[in-house]
C-alpha atoms as a PDB file:
ATOM      1  CA  MET A   1     -42.373 -21.530-147.313  1.00  0.00           C
ATOM      2  CA  TRP A   2     -46.493 -21.348-148.176  1.00  0.00           C
ATOM      3  CA  ALA A   3     -45.734 -22.603-151.814  1.00  0.00           C
ATOM      4  CA  VAL A   4     -43.278 -25.537-150.705  1.00  0.00           C
ATOM      5  CA  ALA A   5     -45.632 -26.535-148.252  1.00  0.00           C
ATOM      6  CA  LEU A   6     -49.074 -26.358-150.196  1.00  0.00           C
ATOM      7  CA  ARG A   7     -47.110 -27.556-153.933  1.00  0.00           C
ATOM      8  CA  THR A   8     -45.276 -30.312-151.276  1.00  0.00           C
ATOM      9  CA  LEU A   9     -49.330 -31.359-149.799  1.00  0.00           C
ATOM     10  CA  ARG A  10     -51.174 -30.396-152.521  1.00  0.00           C
ATOM     11  CA  ASP A  11     -53.815 -28.973-150.082  1.00  0.00           C
ATOM     12  CA  PRO A  12     -53.994 -25.601-148.612  1.00  0.00           C
ATOM     13  CA  GLU A  13     -55.104 -27.131-144.649  1.00  0.00           C
ATOM     14  CA  GLU A  14     -52.406 -29.180-144.720  1.00  0.00           C
ATOM     15  CA  ALA A  15     -50.027 -27.084-145.587  1.00  0.00           C
ATOM     16  CA  ALA A  16     -50.945 -24.705-142.910  1.00  0.00           C
ATOM     17  CA  ASP A  17     -50.404 -27.504-140.548  1.00  0.00           C
ATOM     18  CA  ALA A  18     -47.227 -27.926-141.482  1.00  0.00           C
ATOM     19  CA  LEU A  19     -45.981 -24.419-142.165  1.00  0.00           C
ATOM     20  CA  GLN A  20     -47.432 -23.630-138.692  1.00  0.00           C
ATOM     21  CA  GLU A  21     -45.460 -26.822-137.087  1.00  0.00           C
ATOM     22  CA  ALA A  22     -42.263 -26.179-139.567  1.00  0.00           C
ATOM     23  CA  PHE A  23     -42.062 -22.280-137.252  1.00  0.00           C
ATOM     24  CA  ILE A  24     -42.610 -23.867-133.758  1.00  0.00           C
ATOM     25  CA  SER A  25     -39.912 -26.369-134.791  1.00  0.00           C
ATOM     26  CA  ALA A  26     -37.915 -23.501-135.738  1.00  0.00           C
ATOM     27  CA  PHE A  27     -38.683 -21.442-133.013  1.00  0.00           C
ATOM     28  CA  ARG A  28     -37.889 -23.869-130.646  1.00  0.00           C
ATOM     29  CA  ALA A  29     -34.905 -25.012-132.560  1.00  0.00           C
ATOM     30  CA  ALA A  30     -33.216 -21.352-132.834  1.00  0.00           C
ATOM     31  CA  GLY A  31     -30.492 -21.714-130.762  1.00  0.00           C
ATOM     32  CA  LYS A  32     -29.112 -24.644-132.726  1.00  0.00           C
ATOM     33  CA  PHE A  33     -29.039 -22.558-135.771  1.00  0.00           C
ATOM     34  CA  ARG A  34     -25.614 -23.043-136.702  1.00  0.00           C
ATOM     35  CA  ALA A  35     -25.565 -20.083-139.935  1.00  0.00           C
ATOM     36  CA  GLU A  36     -23.695 -22.509-141.766  1.00  0.00           C
ATOM     37  CA  SER A  37     -26.334 -22.088-144.777  1.00  0.00           C
ATOM     38  CA  GLN A  38     -28.720 -18.827-144.948  1.00  0.00           C
ATOM     39  CA  VAL A  39     -31.468 -18.912-142.498  1.00  0.00           C
ATOM     40  CA  THR A  40     -34.106 -19.333-145.620  1.00  0.00           C
ATOM     41  CA  THR A  41     -32.480 -22.430-146.280  1.00  0.00           C
ATOM     42  CA  TRP A  42     -32.578 -23.764-142.916  1.00  0.00           C
ATOM     43  CA  LEU A  43     -36.442 -22.693-142.808  1.00  0.00           C
ATOM     44  CA  HIS A  44     -36.844 -24.265-146.196  1.00  0.00           C
ATOM     45  CA  ARG A  45     -35.476 -27.312-144.931  1.00  0.00           C
ATOM     46  CA  ILE A  46     -38.070 -27.437-141.658  1.00  0.00           C
ATOM     47  CA  VAL A  47     -40.844 -26.946-143.964  1.00  0.00           C
ATOM     48  CA  VAL A  48     -39.921 -29.756-145.831  1.00  0.00           C
ATOM     49  CA  ASN A  49     -39.447 -32.168-143.213  1.00  0.00           C
ATOM     50  CA  ALA A  50     -42.630 -31.204-141.560  1.00  0.00           C
ATOM     51  CA  CYS A  51     -44.738 -31.545-144.851  1.00  0.00           C
ATOM     52  CA  LEU A  52     -42.861 -34.878-145.180  1.00  0.00           C
ATOM     53  CA  ASP A  53     -43.656 -36.070-141.711  1.00  0.00           C
ATOM     54  CA  ARG A  54     -47.275 -35.202-142.803  1.00  0.00           C
ATOM     55  CA  ILE A  55     -47.085 -37.175-145.758  1.00  0.00           C
ATOM     56  CA  ARG A  56     -45.572 -39.999-144.037  1.00  0.00           C
ATOM     57  CA  ARG A  57     -48.198 -40.100-141.122  1.00  0.00           C
ATOM     58  CA  LYS A  58     -51.048 -39.892-143.471  1.00  0.00           C
ATOM     59  CA  GLN A  59     -49.100 -42.813-145.663  1.00  0.00           C
ATOM     60  CA  ALA A  60     -49.815 -44.786-142.224  1.00  0.00           C
ATOM     61  CA  ARG A  61     -53.149 -43.871-141.299  1.00  0.00           C
ATOM     62  CA  PRO A  62     -55.159 -43.296-144.446  1.00  0.00           C
ATOM     63  CA  THR A  63     -58.304 -41.038-144.038  1.00  0.00           C
ATOM     64  CA  VAL A  64     -61.380 -40.761-146.714  1.00  0.00           C
ATOM     65  CA  PRO A  65     -62.551 -37.295-146.853  1.00  0.00           C
ATOM     66  CA  LEU A  66     -66.108 -36.640-145.996  1.00  0.00           C
ATOM     67  CA  PRO A  67     -68.157 -35.153-149.922  1.00  0.00           C
ATOM     68  CA  GLU A  68     -68.568 -31.590-149.764  1.00  0.00           C
ATOM     69  CA  THR A  69     -72.376 -30.100-149.263  1.00  0.00           C
ATOM     70  CA  GLY A  70     -71.657 -27.275-152.033  1.00  0.00           C
ATOM     71  CA  GLU A  71     -69.342 -26.874-154.600  1.00  0.00           C
ATOM     72  CA  TYR A  72     -66.811 -24.092-154.304  1.00  0.00           C
ATOM     73  CA  ASN A  73     -66.066 -22.110-157.673  1.00  0.00           C
ATOM     74  CA  GLU A  74     -63.117 -20.312-157.821  1.00  0.00           C
ATOM     75  CA  PRO A  75     -63.218 -17.269-159.547  1.00  0.00           C
ATOM     76  CA  ALA A  76     -61.824 -17.173-163.010  1.00  0.00           C
ATOM     77  CA  ALA A  77     -58.864 -14.704-163.194  1.00  0.00           C
ATOM     78  CA  PRO A  78     -58.734 -12.294-166.441  1.00  0.00           C
ATOM     79  CA  GLY A  79     -57.197 -13.545-168.989  1.00  0.00           C
ATOM     80  CA  ASP A  80     -57.292 -17.480-167.832  1.00  0.00           C
ATOM     81  CA  SER A  81     -58.630 -19.372-170.753  1.00  0.00           C
ATOM     82  CA  MET A  82     -60.374 -22.885-170.124  1.00  0.00           C
ATOM     83  CA  ALA A  83     -57.471 -24.725-171.645  1.00  0.00           C
ATOM     84  CA  GLU A  84     -54.724 -23.390-169.491  1.00  0.00           C
ATOM     85  CA  LYS A  85     -56.584 -24.475-166.271  1.00  0.00           C
ATOM     86  CA  GLU A  86     -57.050 -28.311-168.136  1.00  0.00           C
ATOM     87  CA  THR A  87     -53.197 -27.671-168.503  1.00  0.00           C
ATOM     88  CA  SER A  88     -52.534 -26.997-165.270  1.00  0.00           C
ATOM     89  CA  LEU A  89     -54.746 -29.672-163.178  1.00  0.00           C
ATOM     90  CA  LEU A  90     -52.799 -32.103-165.952  1.00  0.00           C
ATOM     91  CA  VAL A  91     -49.716 -31.181-164.902  1.00  0.00           C
ATOM     92  CA  ARG A  92     -50.498 -31.139-161.293  1.00  0.00           C
ATOM     93  CA  LYS A  93     -52.125 -34.245-161.704  1.00  0.00           C
ATOM     94  CA  ALA A  94     -48.828 -35.365-163.342  1.00  0.00           C
ATOM     95  CA  LEU A  95     -46.711 -34.256-160.008  1.00  0.00           C
ATOM     96  CA  ASP A  96     -48.712 -36.303-158.250  1.00  0.00           C
ATOM     97  CA  GLU A  97     -48.318 -39.090-159.806  1.00  0.00           C
ATOM     98  CA  LEU A  98     -44.458 -38.968-159.162  1.00  0.00           C
ATOM     99  CA  PRO A  99     -42.748 -40.782-156.207  1.00  0.00           C
ATOM    100  CA  GLU A 100     -42.002 -38.384-153.425  1.00  0.00           C
ATOM    101  CA  ASP A 101     -38.286 -38.419-153.580  1.00  0.00           C
ATOM    102  CA  GLN A 102     -38.574 -37.245-156.988  1.00  0.00           C
ATOM    103  CA  ARG A 103     -41.637 -34.390-156.369  1.00  0.00           C
ATOM    104  CA  ALA A 104     -39.871 -32.893-153.958  1.00  0.00           C
ATOM    105  CA  PRO A 105     -36.450 -32.469-156.103  1.00  0.00           C
ATOM    106  CA  ILE A 106     -38.725 -31.010-159.222  1.00  0.00           C
ATOM    107  CA  LEU A 107     -40.781 -28.959-157.467  1.00  0.00           C
ATOM    108  CA  LEU A 108     -37.921 -27.205-155.660  1.00  0.00           C
ATOM    109  CA  VAL A 109     -35.479 -26.624-158.514  1.00  0.00           C
ATOM    110  CA  ASP A 110     -38.065 -26.065-161.086  1.00  0.00           C
ATOM    111  CA  VAL A 111     -41.239 -24.632-159.647  1.00  0.00           C
ATOM    112  CA  GLU A 112     -39.021 -22.765-156.617  1.00  0.00           C
ATOM    113  CA  GLY A 113     -36.248 -21.933-158.740  1.00  0.00           C
ATOM    114  CA  TYR A 114     -33.470 -23.248-156.254  1.00  0.00           C
ATOM    115  CA  SER A 115     -30.311 -24.279-157.486  1.00  0.00           C
ATOM    116  CA  VAL A 116     -29.134 -27.716-156.897  1.00  0.00           C
ATOM    117  CA  ALA A 117     -27.052 -27.303-154.275  1.00  0.00           C
ATOM    118  CA  GLU A 118     -29.572 -25.306-152.211  1.00  0.00           C
ATOM    119  CA  THR A 119     -32.315 -28.430-152.987  1.00  0.00           C
ATOM    120  CA  ALA A 120     -29.573 -30.752-151.706  1.00  0.00           C
ATOM    121  CA  LYS A 121     -29.345 -29.225-148.573  1.00  0.00           C
ATOM    122  CA  MET A 122     -32.578 -28.586-148.007  1.00  0.00           C
ATOM    123  CA  LEU A 123     -33.612 -32.230-148.563  1.00  0.00           C
ATOM    124  CA  GLY A 124     -30.084 -33.193-147.059  1.00  0.00           C
ATOM    125  CA  ILE A 125     -29.273 -35.249-149.648  1.00  0.00           C
ATOM    126  CA  ALA A 126     -26.063 -35.370-152.453  1.00  0.00           C
ATOM    127  CA  GLU A 127     -26.499 -32.696-155.615  1.00  0.00           C
ATOM    128  CA  GLY A 128     -26.035 -35.591-157.466  1.00  0.00           C
ATOM    129  CA  THR A 129     -28.848 -37.489-156.382  1.00  0.00           C
ATOM    130  CA  VAL A 130     -30.944 -34.441-156.726  1.00  0.00           C
ATOM    131  CA  LYS A 131     -30.007 -34.235-160.621  1.00  0.00           C
ATOM    132  CA  SER A 132     -30.823 -37.726-160.872  1.00  0.00           C
ATOM    133  CA  ARG A 133     -34.103 -37.584-159.154  1.00  0.00           C
ATOM    134  CA  CYS A 134     -35.191 -34.532-161.081  1.00  0.00           C
ATOM    135  CA  ALA A 135     -34.076 -35.982-164.197  1.00  0.00           C
ATOM    136  CA  ARG A 136     -36.206 -39.253-163.911  1.00  0.00           C
ATOM    137  CA  GLY A 137     -38.932 -37.308-162.788  1.00  0.00           C
ATOM    138  CA  ARG A 138     -38.906 -34.870-165.684  1.00  0.00           C
ATOM    139  CA  GLY A 139     -38.614 -38.010-167.944  1.00  0.00           C
ATOM    140  CA  LYS A 140     -41.715 -39.627-166.210  1.00  0.00           C
ATOM    141  CA  LEU A 141     -43.374 -36.215-166.919  1.00  0.00           C
ATOM    142  CA  ALA A 142     -42.376 -35.638-170.579  1.00  0.00           C
ATOM    143  CA  LYS A 143     -43.921 -39.290-170.908  1.00  0.00           C
ATOM    144  CA  VAL A 144     -47.235 -38.559-168.845  1.00  0.00           C
ATOM    145  CA  LEU A 145     -47.378 -34.620-170.884  1.00  0.00           C
ATOM    146  CA  GLY A 146     -45.577 -34.896-173.948  1.00  0.00           C
ATOM    147  CA  HIS A 147     -49.309 -34.243-175.094  1.00  0.00           C
ATOM    148  CA  LEU A 148     -48.785 -31.180-174.393  1.00  0.00           C
ATOM    149  CA  ARG A 149     -46.118 -30.256-176.336  1.00  0.00           C
ATOM    150  CA  ASN A 150     -46.705 -32.093-179.465  1.00  0.00           C
ATOM    151  CA  PRO A 151     -50.422 -32.348-179.933  1.00  0.00           C
ATOM    152  CA  ASP A 152     -50.515 -33.553-183.074  1.00  0.00           C
ATOM    153  CA  GLY A 153     -48.041 -36.610-182.105  1.00  0.00           C
ATOM    154  CA  GLY A 154     -50.435 -38.075-179.806  1.00  0.00           C
ATOM    155  CA  GLY A 155     -47.974 -38.065-176.580  1.00  0.00           C
ATOM    156  CA  ASP A 156     -44.935 -39.280-177.746  1.00  0.00           C
ATOM    157  CA  VAL A 157     -41.727 -37.597-176.554  1.00  0.00           C
ATOM    158  CA  PRO A 158     -38.314 -38.715-178.349  1.00  0.00           C
ATOM    159  CA  THR A 159     -36.338 -40.496-176.310  1.00  0.00           C
ATOM    160  CA  ASN A 160     -32.626 -40.714-176.526  1.00  0.00           C
ATOM    161  CA  GLU A 161     -32.593 -43.739-178.049  1.00  0.00           C
ATOM    162  CA  SER A 162     -35.298 -42.723-180.617  1.00  0.00           C
ATOM    163  CA  LYS A 163     -33.204 -39.356-181.372  1.00  0.00           C
ATOM    164  CA  ARG A 164     -29.967 -41.898-182.190  1.00  0.00           C
ATOM    165  CA  LYS A 165     -31.803 -44.263-184.517  1.00  0.00           C
ATOM    166  CA  HIS A 166     -33.140 -41.009-186.858  1.00  0.00           C
ATOM    167  CA  ALA A 167     -29.541 -39.914-186.618  1.00  0.00           C
ATOM    168  CA  THR A 168     -28.516 -43.123-187.811  1.00  0.00           C
ATOM    169  CA  SER A 169     -31.237 -43.833-190.342  1.00  0.00           C
ATOM    170  CA  GLU A 170     -30.278 -39.899-191.979  1.00  0.00           C
ATOM    171  CA  GLU A 171     -26.804 -41.070-192.336  1.00  0.00           C
ATOM    172  CA  SER A 172     -27.517 -44.491-194.074  1.00  0.00           C
ATOM    173  CA  ARG A 173     -29.438 -42.138-196.172  1.00  0.00           C
ATOM    174  CA  SER A 174     -27.058 -39.601-197.106  1.00  0.00           C
ATOM    175  CA  ALA A 175     -24.364 -41.737-197.407  1.00  0.00           C
ATOM    176  CA  GLY A 176     -26.915 -43.559-199.934  1.00  0.00           C
ATOM    177  CA  ARG A 177     -27.262 -40.331-201.904  1.00  0.00           C
ATOM    178  CA  ALA A 178     -24.126 -39.769-201.790  1.00  0.00           C
ATOM    179  CA  GLN A 179     -22.719 -43.254-203.898  1.00  0.00           C
ATOM    180  CA  ARG A 180     -25.681 -42.591-206.276  1.00  0.00           C
ATOM    181  CA  SER A 181     -24.826 -38.611-207.033  1.00  0.00           C
ATOM    182  CA  PRO A 182     -23.196 -37.492-210.256  1.00  0.00           C
ATOM    183  CA  GLY A 183     -19.480 -37.121-210.920  1.00  0.00           C
ATOM    184  CA  ASN A 184     -18.674 -40.076-208.296  1.00  0.00           C
ATOM    185  CA  GLY A 185     -17.560 -41.889-210.549  1.00  0.00           C
ATOM    186  CA  GLU A 186     -19.404 -44.405-210.938  1.00  0.00           C
ATOM    187  CA  GLY A 187     -21.759 -45.591-214.014  1.00  0.00           C
ATOM    188  CA  ARG A 188     -19.422 -44.622-216.492  1.00  0.00           C
END
């Protein structure tokens, strides 16, 4: 649950506060739990709601953080390379740029590993909505992060339309070769 709060809010202090609020809410509402789902699903939903509430409050009353006096350098774990850290930062930044309605399902399904059905219950939306929001978010992430998958391609990630065009041009070329090949009766 800590990971969900941290990934949703991207600030450890905010995540800790949201998690505390969520557990207080869960404690107060424990008598209302109907056992229609697992307790963990119910608790995750409360955590997600607490995080979303904090995001909404933060948007309504934006604040400017104070400059830090010292720089905090996290010790590098063995095996961590600079490229991995850069990639991680790029992915986090790309996730941050997604709209909240797409980020939450992607985090729950792709990062946390919940099923579409569990995610739908946690977010209180239909399964189809989870799938479509994940698809839209993944499409945006693919455009922004495409250069990571294809370093020489400059960030271009093939879309369904470009794949169809490529397939059509391949079919045209193979049809042209078939017409020119010996044994088809032409040129005799």
